[in-house]
Amino acid sequence: MKESIYQKQMRQLLKNAGYDFIEEFRFHPTRKWRFDFVLKPVKTKIAIEVNGSIWQKGKHTFGKQYEADLEKINTAQLLGWLVFQYTPDTLPNVIKDLNTLKTTEY
């Protein structure tokens, strides 16, 4: 799968803030679902998804693929994952959100 410019930007944001992460992490035991980023240690179950092309009928916002994304995220949450989702315009919020999470009792 081709990497998007937004995934590159997210990677740089996480690196600059000092977060350690794994990319394209397969989280489900039988499905081929992957998260774009998972924070280390993996046992914390914190995932980040980058959803691009939201204004152009991209795969994340259109029909069956949107339903498939909902199934993926809902299943992940049932498995105990905290999943943060960002669009290109909201990428800068990731560090603020993760820093807020650090100060709460999660």
Protein backbone atom coordinates (compact mmCIF):
# COMPACT_ATOMS: atom_id res chain seq x y z
CA MET A 1 0.00 0.00 0.00
CA LYS A 2 1.31 3.41 -0.94
CA GLU A 3 2.09 5.72 1.95
CA SER A 4 0.27 9.04 1.96
CA ILE A 5 1.80 12.42 2.62
CA TYR A 6 -0.39 12.59 5.73
CA GLN A 7 1.13 9.41 7.15
CA LYS A 8 4.56 10.96 6.61
CA GLN A 9 3.42 14.08 8.43
CA MET A 10 2.01 12.05 11.31
CA ARG A 11 5.25 10.09 11.59
CA GLN A 12 7.22 13.32 11.83
CA LEU A 13 4.86 14.81 14.42
CA LEU A 14 5.18 11.73 16.63
CA LYS A 15 8.96 11.59 16.25
CA ASN A 16 9.38 15.29 17.00
CA ALA A 17 7.32 14.90 20.18
CA GLY A 18 9.41 11.92 21.29
CA TYR A 19 6.78 9.21 20.94
CA ASP A 20 7.90 5.68 20.15
CA PHE A 21 5.58 3.84 17.77
CA ILE A 22 5.05 1.00 15.32
CA GLU A 23 3.61 1.59 11.87
CA GLU A 24 1.11 -0.63 10.06
CA PHE A 25 0.46 -2.72 13.17
CA ARG A 26 -1.80 -5.72 12.68
CA PHE A 27 -4.02 -5.75 15.76
CA HIS A 28 -6.59 -8.46 15.06
CA PRO A 29 -5.79 -12.17 15.40
CA THR A 30 -7.67 -13.28 12.26
CA ARG A 31 -8.55 -10.20 10.20
CA LYS A 32 -5.92 -8.36 8.17
CA TRP A 33 -6.77 -5.07 9.83
CA ARG A 34 -3.90 -2.74 10.62
CA PHE A 35 -3.55 0.56 12.43
CA ASP A 36 -1.49 3.29 10.81
CA PHE A 37 0.38 3.86 14.10
CA VAL A 38 0.46 2.17 17.50
CA LEU A 39 2.26 3.71 20.44
CA LYS A 40 4.81 1.64 22.30
CA PRO A 41 4.50 -0.25 24.49
CA VAL A 42 1.80 -2.05 22.52
CA LYS A 43 0.16 -3.28 25.73
CA THR A 44 -1.21 0.26 26.24
CA LYS A 45 -3.38 -0.33 23.16
CA ILE A 46 -3.27 3.24 21.82
CA ALA A 47 -3.71 3.50 18.06
CA ILE A 48 -3.73 6.36 15.58
CA GLU A 49 -5.47 6.36 12.22
CA VAL A 50 -4.94 8.95 9.48
CA ASN A 51 -7.98 9.35 7.23
CA GLY A 52 -7.13 11.31 4.10
CA SER A 53 -9.24 12.27 1.09
CA ILE A 54 -12.29 13.03 3.18
CA TRP A 55 -13.49 15.80 0.87
CA GLN A 56 -13.12 13.79 -2.36
CA LYS A 57 -15.24 10.69 -1.76
CA GLY A 58 -12.15 8.90 -0.57
CA LYS A 59 -12.26 5.31 0.54
CA HIS A 60 -12.69 6.24 4.19
CA THR A 61 -15.87 8.22 3.61
CA PHE A 62 -17.75 6.42 0.88
CA GLY A 63 -20.19 3.54 1.01
CA LYS A 64 -18.97 0.03 1.78
CA GLN A 65 -15.44 1.12 2.70
CA TYR A 66 -16.81 3.54 5.28
CA GLU A 67 -18.90 0.72 6.76
CA ALA A 68 -15.81 -1.53 6.78
CA ASP A 69 -13.85 1.18 8.61
CA LEU A 70 -16.60 1.43 11.21
CA GLU A 71 -16.49 -2.33 11.73
CA LYS A 72 -12.71 -2.19 12.14
CA ILE A 73 -12.77 0.64 14.69
CA ASN A 74 -15.70 -0.79 16.65
CA THR A 75 -14.04 -4.21 16.81
CA ALA A 76 -10.78 -2.63 17.94
CA GLN A 77 -12.60 -0.81 20.73
CA LEU A 78 -14.26 -4.04 21.82
CA LEU A 79 -10.75 -5.52 22.04
CA GLY A 80 -9.70 -2.68 24.35
CA TRP A 81 -7.99 -0.32 21.91
CA LEU A 82 -8.18 3.45 22.26
CA VAL A 83 -8.26 4.67 18.66
CA PHE A 84 -7.53 8.27 17.72
CA GLN A 85 -8.59 9.28 14.21
CA TYR A 86 -7.34 12.33 12.34
CA THR A 87 -7.96 14.02 9.03
CA PRO A 88 -5.27 15.99 7.21
CA ASP A 89 -6.47 19.25 8.77
CA THR A 90 -6.53 17.83 12.30
CA LEU A 91 -3.12 16.12 12.30
CA PRO A 92 -1.55 18.77 14.57
CA ASN A 93 -4.06 17.84 17.30
CA VAL A 94 -2.42 14.45 17.84
CA ILE A 95 0.30 15.74 20.17
CA LYS A 96 -2.15 17.81 22.22
CA ASP A 97 -4.46 14.80 22.52
CA LEU A 98 -1.69 12.40 23.47
CA ASN A 99 -0.29 14.85 26.01
CA THR A 100 -3.79 15.22 27.51
CA LEU A 101 -4.02 11.44 27.70
CA LYS A 102 -0.73 11.33 29.63
CA THR A 103 -2.20 13.54 32.33
CA THR A 104 -5.36 11.49 32.79
CA GLU A 105 -5.73 8.17 34.52
CA TYR A 106 -6.24 5.93 31.53
